[in-house]
Amino acid sequence: MSPDPWPVEFKVRRAEKDLVVRFDDGRSFTLPAEYLRVESPSAEVQGHASSQKVTVAGKRNVGIVRLEQVGNYAVRIVFDDGHASGIYTWPWLYRLGAERDRLWGTYLAALEAQGLSRNG
């Protein structure tokens, strides 16, 4: 079994409101701040079971204030809406990049089903 891909570069692009993460397997992902915020691994968003996941609305314009390294396994993303409780492990970030189309589609469908909007 091979080890999980390891990030080798992080680049916060404030004007574009995204995070570019490059991994040691050669893959690179551009992850919008809105997407990172609504898919935060925090209990506030994910709940304590998959059935408890919260659909976070109104984050279209959220930005990234800073990244804080957490040990050698994760990063905390501090957003300009005050959210900072999610610990984004390397596998979580990789999954967000690799499964972005599916996860984003699921999020958009959940917004629509609940009558919510991406706008604040």
N, C-alpha and C. Protein backbone atom coordinates (compact mmCIF):
# COMPACT_ATOMS: atom_id res chain seq x y z
N MET A 1 0.85 -1.18 0.00
CA MET A 1 0.00 0.00 0.00
C MET A 1 0.89 1.24 0.00
N SER A 2 0.62 2.16 -0.91
CA SER A 2 1.45 3.37 -0.98
C SER A 2 0.94 4.41 0.01
N PRO A 3 1.84 5.28 0.47
CA PRO A 3 1.43 6.32 1.40
C PRO A 3 0.54 7.35 0.70
N ASP A 4 -0.21 8.08 1.50
CA ASP A 4 -1.06 9.14 0.95
C ASP A 4 -0.19 10.21 0.30
N PRO A 5 -0.69 10.84 -0.75
CA PRO A 5 0.05 11.94 -1.35
C PRO A 5 0.32 13.04 -0.31
N TRP A 6 1.45 13.67 -0.44
CA TRP A 6 1.92 14.68 0.51
C TRP A 6 1.96 16.03 -0.19
N PRO A 7 1.43 17.09 0.43
CA PRO A 7 1.50 18.40 -0.22
C PRO A 7 2.93 18.93 -0.22
N VAL A 8 3.32 19.51 -1.34
CA VAL A 8 4.66 20.08 -1.45
C VAL A 8 4.61 21.60 -1.65
N GLU A 9 3.41 22.13 -1.92
CA GLU A 9 3.29 23.58 -2.09
C GLU A 9 1.86 24.02 -1.82
N PHE A 10 1.75 25.12 -1.08
CA PHE A 10 0.46 25.78 -0.84
C PHE A 10 0.60 27.21 -1.35
N LYS A 11 -0.43 27.70 -2.01
CA LYS A 11 -0.41 29.07 -2.48
C LYS A 11 -1.81 29.65 -2.32
N VAL A 12 -1.95 30.59 -1.38
CA VAL A 12 -3.22 31.29 -1.22
C VAL A 12 -3.22 32.44 -2.22
N ARG A 13 -4.24 32.46 -3.05
CA ARG A 13 -4.39 33.55 -4.02
C ARG A 13 -5.60 34.37 -3.56
N ARG A 14 -5.29 35.45 -2.86
CA ARG A 14 -6.36 36.26 -2.24
C ARG A 14 -7.29 36.88 -3.27
N ALA A 15 -6.75 37.43 -4.34
CA ALA A 15 -7.59 38.08 -5.35
C ALA A 15 -8.55 37.08 -6.00
N GLU A 16 -8.07 35.86 -6.23
CA GLU A 16 -8.90 34.83 -6.86
C GLU A 16 -9.75 34.09 -5.83
N LYS A 17 -9.48 34.33 -4.54
CA LYS A 17 -10.18 33.67 -3.44
C LYS A 17 -10.11 32.16 -3.58
N ASP A 18 -8.86 31.67 -3.69
CA ASP A 18 -8.67 30.22 -3.76
C ASP A 18 -7.34 29.81 -3.17
N LEU A 19 -7.17 28.51 -3.10
CA LEU A 19 -5.95 27.90 -2.59
C LEU A 19 -5.48 26.89 -3.62
N VAL A 20 -4.23 27.00 -4.01
CA VAL A 20 -3.63 26.03 -4.93
C VAL A 20 -2.75 25.11 -4.09
N VAL A 21 -2.99 23.81 -4.20
CA VAL A 21 -2.20 22.82 -3.47
C VAL A 21 -1.59 21.86 -4.47
N ARG A 22 -0.27 21.72 -4.40
CA ARG A 22 0.45 20.78 -5.27
C ARG A 22 0.94 19.63 -4.41
N PHE A 23 0.72 18.40 -4.88
CA PHE A 23 1.09 17.20 -4.14
C PHE A 23 2.29 16.50 -4.79
N ASP A 24 2.94 15.66 -4.00
CA ASP A 24 4.15 14.98 -4.46
C ASP A 24 3.91 13.93 -5.54
N ASP A 25 2.65 13.61 -5.83
CA ASP A 25 2.36 12.67 -6.91
C ASP A 25 2.19 13.40 -8.24
N GLY A 26 2.41 14.74 -8.22
CA GLY A 26 2.33 15.53 -9.43
C GLY A 26 0.99 16.22 -9.64
N ARG A 27 -0.02 15.84 -8.86
CA ARG A 27 -1.33 16.48 -9.03
C ARG A 27 -1.36 17.82 -8.31
N SER A 28 -2.07 18.74 -8.91
CA SER A 28 -2.25 20.07 -8.34
C SER A 28 -3.73 20.40 -8.41
N PHE A 29 -4.24 21.00 -7.35
CA PHE A 29 -5.66 21.34 -7.29
C PHE A 29 -5.83 22.80 -6.93
N THR A 30 -6.74 23.46 -7.63
CA THR A 30 -7.13 24.82 -7.29
C THR A 30 -8.48 24.71 -6.60
N LEU A 31 -8.50 25.10 -5.33
CA LEU A 31 -9.68 24.92 -4.50
C LEU A 31 -10.23 26.28 -4.09
N PRO A 32 -11.40 26.66 -4.61
CA PRO A 32 -12.00 27.93 -4.24
C PRO A 32 -12.27 28.01 -2.73
N ALA A 33 -12.12 29.21 -2.18
CA ALA A 33 -12.36 29.40 -0.75
C ALA A 33 -13.79 28.99 -0.38
N GLU A 34 -14.74 29.33 -1.21
CA GLU A 34 -16.13 28.95 -0.93
C GLU A 34 -16.26 27.44 -0.79
N TYR A 35 -15.67 26.71 -1.70
CA TYR A 35 -15.72 25.25 -1.67
C TYR A 35 -15.05 24.71 -0.41
N LEU A 36 -13.88 25.23 -0.08
CA LEU A 36 -13.19 24.80 1.14
C LEU A 36 -14.03 25.09 2.37
N ARG A 37 -14.69 26.24 2.39
CA ARG A 37 -15.50 26.63 3.55
C ARG A 37 -16.72 25.73 3.71
N VAL A 38 -17.42 25.45 2.62
CA VAL A 38 -18.65 24.64 2.74
C VAL A 38 -18.35 23.16 2.92
N GLU A 39 -17.11 22.74 2.63
CA GLU A 39 -16.70 21.35 2.84
C GLU A 39 -15.72 21.25 4.01
N SER A 40 -15.75 22.24 4.90
CA SER A 40 -14.87 22.23 6.07
C SER A 40 -15.01 20.91 6.83
N PRO A 41 -13.91 20.35 7.28
CA PRO A 41 -13.98 19.10 8.06
C PRO A 41 -14.43 19.31 9.50
N SER A 42 -14.77 20.53 9.87
CA SER A 42 -15.18 20.82 11.25
C SER A 42 -16.49 20.12 11.60
N ALA A 43 -16.67 19.85 12.87
CA ALA A 43 -17.92 19.25 13.35
C ALA A 43 -19.09 20.20 13.08
N GLU A 44 -18.83 21.49 13.07
CA GLU A 44 -19.86 22.50 12.80
C GLU A 44 -20.49 22.28 11.42
N VAL A 45 -19.70 21.81 10.46
CA VAL A 45 -20.18 21.57 9.10
C VAL A 45 -20.50 20.09 8.88
N GLN A 46 -19.58 19.21 9.26
CA GLN A 46 -19.73 17.78 8.98
C GLN A 46 -20.62 17.05 9.99
N GLY A 47 -20.82 17.66 11.17
CA GLY A 47 -21.55 16.96 12.22
C GLY A 47 -20.69 15.85 12.77
N HIS A 48 -21.32 14.96 13.50
CA HIS A 48 -20.58 13.83 14.08
C HIS A 48 -20.94 12.51 13.38
N ALA A 49 -21.75 12.62 12.34
CA ALA A 49 -22.12 11.48 11.49
C ALA A 49 -22.50 12.05 10.13
N SER A 50 -22.40 11.24 9.09
CA SER A 50 -22.69 11.75 7.74
C SER A 50 -24.12 12.28 7.62
N SER A 51 -25.03 11.76 8.41
CA SER A 51 -26.42 12.22 8.36
C SER A 51 -26.60 13.60 8.99
N GLN A 52 -25.57 14.09 9.68
CA GLN A 52 -25.66 15.38 10.36
C GLN A 52 -25.00 16.53 9.59
N LYS A 53 -24.51 16.24 8.38
CA LYS A 53 -23.81 17.29 7.62
C LYS A 53 -24.73 18.48 7.39
N VAL A 54 -24.18 19.67 7.60
CA VAL A 54 -24.91 20.92 7.44
C VAL A 54 -24.61 21.50 6.07
N THR A 55 -25.64 21.97 5.38
CA THR A 55 -25.45 22.67 4.12
C THR A 55 -25.24 24.14 4.45
N VAL A 56 -24.03 24.61 4.24
CA VAL A 56 -23.66 25.98 4.58
C VAL A 56 -23.96 26.87 3.38
N ALA A 57 -24.81 27.86 3.58
CA ALA A 57 -25.19 28.76 2.50
C ALA A 57 -24.50 30.11 2.66
N GLY A 58 -24.59 30.93 1.62
CA GLY A 58 -24.15 32.31 1.68
C GLY A 58 -22.65 32.54 1.75
N LYS A 59 -21.87 31.64 1.18
CA LYS A 59 -20.41 31.76 1.28
C LYS A 59 -19.73 32.06 -0.05
N ARG A 60 -20.48 32.52 -1.03
CA ARG A 60 -19.92 32.79 -2.37
C ARG A 60 -18.70 33.72 -2.31
N ASN A 61 -18.72 34.70 -1.43
CA ASN A 61 -17.65 35.70 -1.41
C ASN A 61 -16.66 35.51 -0.27
N VAL A 62 -16.67 34.38 0.39
CA VAL A 62 -15.74 34.16 1.50
C VAL A 62 -14.31 34.10 0.97
N GLY A 63 -13.40 34.58 1.79
CA GLY A 63 -11.98 34.55 1.42
C GLY A 63 -11.15 33.86 2.48
N ILE A 64 -9.91 33.62 2.15
CA ILE A 64 -8.97 32.98 3.07
C ILE A 64 -8.09 34.07 3.67
N VAL A 65 -8.04 34.11 5.00
CA VAL A 65 -7.20 35.07 5.71
C VAL A 65 -5.78 34.53 5.82
N ARG A 66 -5.67 33.27 6.26
CA ARG A 66 -4.35 32.66 6.41
C ARG A 66 -4.48 31.15 6.60
N LEU A 67 -3.33 30.48 6.45
CA LEU A 67 -3.20 29.06 6.74
C LEU A 67 -2.35 28.91 7.99
N GLU A 68 -2.68 27.94 8.83
CA GLU A 68 -1.88 27.64 10.01
C GLU A 68 -1.55 26.15 9.98
N GLN A 69 -0.27 25.83 9.98
CA GLN A 69 0.12 24.43 9.96
C GLN A 69 -0.26 23.76 11.28
N VAL A 70 -0.76 22.55 11.18
CA VAL A 70 -1.12 21.74 12.35
C VAL A 70 -0.24 20.49 12.30
N GLY A 71 0.80 20.48 13.11
CA GLY A 71 1.74 19.36 13.09
C GLY A 71 2.28 19.16 11.69
N ASN A 72 2.51 17.89 11.35
CA ASN A 72 2.98 17.53 10.01
C ASN A 72 1.91 16.82 9.20
N TYR A 73 0.65 17.04 9.59
CA TYR A 73 -0.41 16.25 8.96
C TYR A 73 -1.58 17.07 8.44
N ALA A 74 -1.61 18.38 8.72
CA ALA A 74 -2.80 19.15 8.36
C ALA A 74 -2.51 20.65 8.36
N VAL A 75 -3.53 21.38 7.90
CA VAL A 75 -3.50 22.83 7.93
C VAL A 75 -4.88 23.31 8.40
N ARG A 76 -4.87 24.37 9.17
CA ARG A 76 -6.11 25.03 9.55
C ARG A 76 -6.25 26.23 8.62
N ILE A 77 -7.44 26.37 8.05
CA ILE A 77 -7.70 27.52 7.18
C ILE A 77 -8.56 28.51 7.96
N VAL A 78 -8.07 29.72 8.04
CA VAL A 78 -8.82 30.79 8.70
C VAL A 78 -9.50 31.60 7.60
N PHE A 79 -10.84 31.64 7.66
CA PHE A 79 -11.63 32.33 6.65
C PHE A 79 -12.03 33.71 7.15
N ASP A 80 -12.33 34.60 6.22
CA ASP A 80 -12.68 35.96 6.62
C ASP A 80 -14.09 36.09 7.22
N ASP A 81 -14.84 35.00 7.26
CA ASP A 81 -16.13 35.03 7.97
C ASP A 81 -15.97 34.57 9.43
N GLY A 82 -14.71 34.34 9.85
CA GLY A 82 -14.43 33.95 11.23
C GLY A 82 -14.30 32.46 11.44
N HIS A 83 -14.68 31.66 10.46
CA HIS A 83 -14.58 30.20 10.62
C HIS A 83 -13.12 29.78 10.60
N ALA A 84 -12.72 29.00 11.61
CA ALA A 84 -11.32 28.56 11.69
C ALA A 84 -11.19 27.25 12.43
N SER A 85 -12.28 26.50 12.55
CA SER A 85 -12.22 25.29 13.37
C SER A 85 -11.95 24.01 12.58
N GLY A 86 -11.89 24.09 11.27
CA GLY A 86 -11.63 22.90 10.47
C GLY A 86 -10.15 22.59 10.37
N ILE A 87 -9.80 21.33 10.58
CA ILE A 87 -8.43 20.85 10.42
C ILE A 87 -8.40 20.04 9.12
N TYR A 88 -7.77 20.60 8.10
CA TYR A 88 -7.73 19.99 6.78
C TYR A 88 -6.50 19.09 6.69
N THR A 89 -6.70 17.79 6.90
CA THR A 89 -5.58 16.85 6.79
C THR A 89 -5.19 16.73 5.33
N TRP A 90 -3.98 16.20 5.11
CA TRP A 90 -3.53 16.03 3.72
C TRP A 90 -4.49 15.15 2.93
N PRO A 91 -4.94 14.00 3.45
CA PRO A 91 -5.90 13.19 2.68
C PRO A 91 -7.22 13.93 2.42
N TRP A 92 -7.68 14.74 3.37
CA TRP A 92 -8.93 15.50 3.18
C TRP A 92 -8.77 16.49 2.03
N LEU A 93 -7.66 17.23 2.03
CA LEU A 93 -7.41 18.19 0.95
C LEU A 93 -7.31 17.50 -0.41
N TYR A 94 -6.62 16.37 -0.42
CA TYR A 94 -6.46 15.63 -1.67
C TYR A 94 -7.83 15.16 -2.18
N ARG A 95 -8.64 14.65 -1.27
CA ARG A 95 -10.00 14.20 -1.64
C ARG A 95 -10.82 15.36 -2.18
N LEU A 96 -10.73 16.52 -1.51
CA LEU A 96 -11.47 17.69 -2.00
C LEU A 96 -11.06 18.04 -3.42
N GLY A 97 -9.77 17.91 -3.73
CA GLY A 97 -9.31 18.18 -5.08
C GLY A 97 -9.74 17.11 -6.07
N ALA A 98 -9.51 15.87 -5.72
CA ALA A 98 -9.78 14.75 -6.63
C ALA A 98 -11.28 14.55 -6.89
N GLU A 99 -12.11 14.87 -5.91
CA GLU A 99 -13.56 14.65 -6.03
C GLU A 99 -14.35 15.95 -6.14
N ARG A 100 -13.68 17.00 -6.54
CA ARG A 100 -14.31 18.33 -6.54
C ARG A 100 -15.60 18.39 -7.34
N ASP A 101 -15.62 17.88 -8.53
CA ASP A 101 -16.83 17.98 -9.36
C ASP A 101 -18.01 17.30 -8.68
N ARG A 102 -17.80 16.11 -8.17
CA ARG A 102 -18.89 15.37 -7.52
C ARG A 102 -19.35 16.07 -6.24
N LEU A 103 -18.39 16.46 -5.39
CA LEU A 103 -18.74 17.10 -4.12
C LEU A 103 -19.43 18.45 -4.35
N TRP A 104 -18.95 19.22 -5.31
CA TRP A 104 -19.56 20.51 -5.59
C TRP A 104 -20.98 20.33 -6.13
N GLY A 105 -21.16 19.36 -7.00
CA GLY A 105 -22.50 19.07 -7.53
C GLY A 105 -23.47 18.67 -6.42
N THR A 106 -23.00 17.86 -5.49
CA THR A 106 -23.83 17.44 -4.35
C THR A 106 -24.20 18.65 -3.50
N TYR A 107 -23.24 19.54 -3.29
CA TYR A 107 -23.49 20.75 -2.51
C TYR A 107 -24.54 21.63 -3.20
N LEU A 108 -24.37 21.88 -4.50
CA LEU A 108 -25.33 22.72 -5.22
C LEU A 108 -26.73 22.12 -5.20
N ALA A 109 -26.83 20.81 -5.32
CA ALA A 109 -28.13 20.13 -5.26
C ALA A 109 -28.75 20.28 -3.87
N ALA A 110 -27.93 20.18 -2.82
CA ALA A 110 -28.44 20.34 -1.46
C ALA A 110 -28.94 21.77 -1.23
N LEU A 111 -28.21 22.77 -1.75
CA LEU A 111 -28.68 24.15 -1.64
C LEU A 111 -30.05 24.30 -2.27
N GLU A 112 -30.17 23.80 -3.49
CA GLU A 112 -31.44 23.92 -4.22
C GLU A 112 -32.57 23.20 -3.48
N ALA A 113 -32.31 22.00 -3.03
CA ALA A 113 -33.33 21.22 -2.34
C ALA A 113 -33.82 21.90 -1.05
N GLN A 114 -32.92 22.66 -0.43
CA GLN A 114 -33.26 23.32 0.84
C GLN A 114 -33.68 24.78 0.65
N GLY A 115 -33.73 25.23 -0.61
CA GLY A 115 -34.12 26.60 -0.89
C GLY A 115 -33.12 27.62 -0.41
N LEU A 116 -31.83 27.24 -0.41
CA LEU A 116 -30.77 28.11 0.06
C LEU A 116 -30.00 28.71 -1.12
N SER A 117 -29.17 29.70 -0.84
CA SER A 117 -28.42 30.38 -1.88
C SER A 117 -26.94 30.46 -1.52
N ARG A 118 -26.10 30.53 -2.54
CA ARG A 118 -24.66 30.75 -2.34
C ARG A 118 -24.38 32.18 -1.92
N ASN A 119 -25.29 33.10 -2.23
CA ASN A 119 -25.11 34.50 -1.89
C ASN A 119 -25.45 34.76 -0.43
N GLY A 120 -24.78 35.74 0.15
CA GLY A 120 -24.98 36.06 1.57
C GLY A 120 -26.17 36.93 1.82
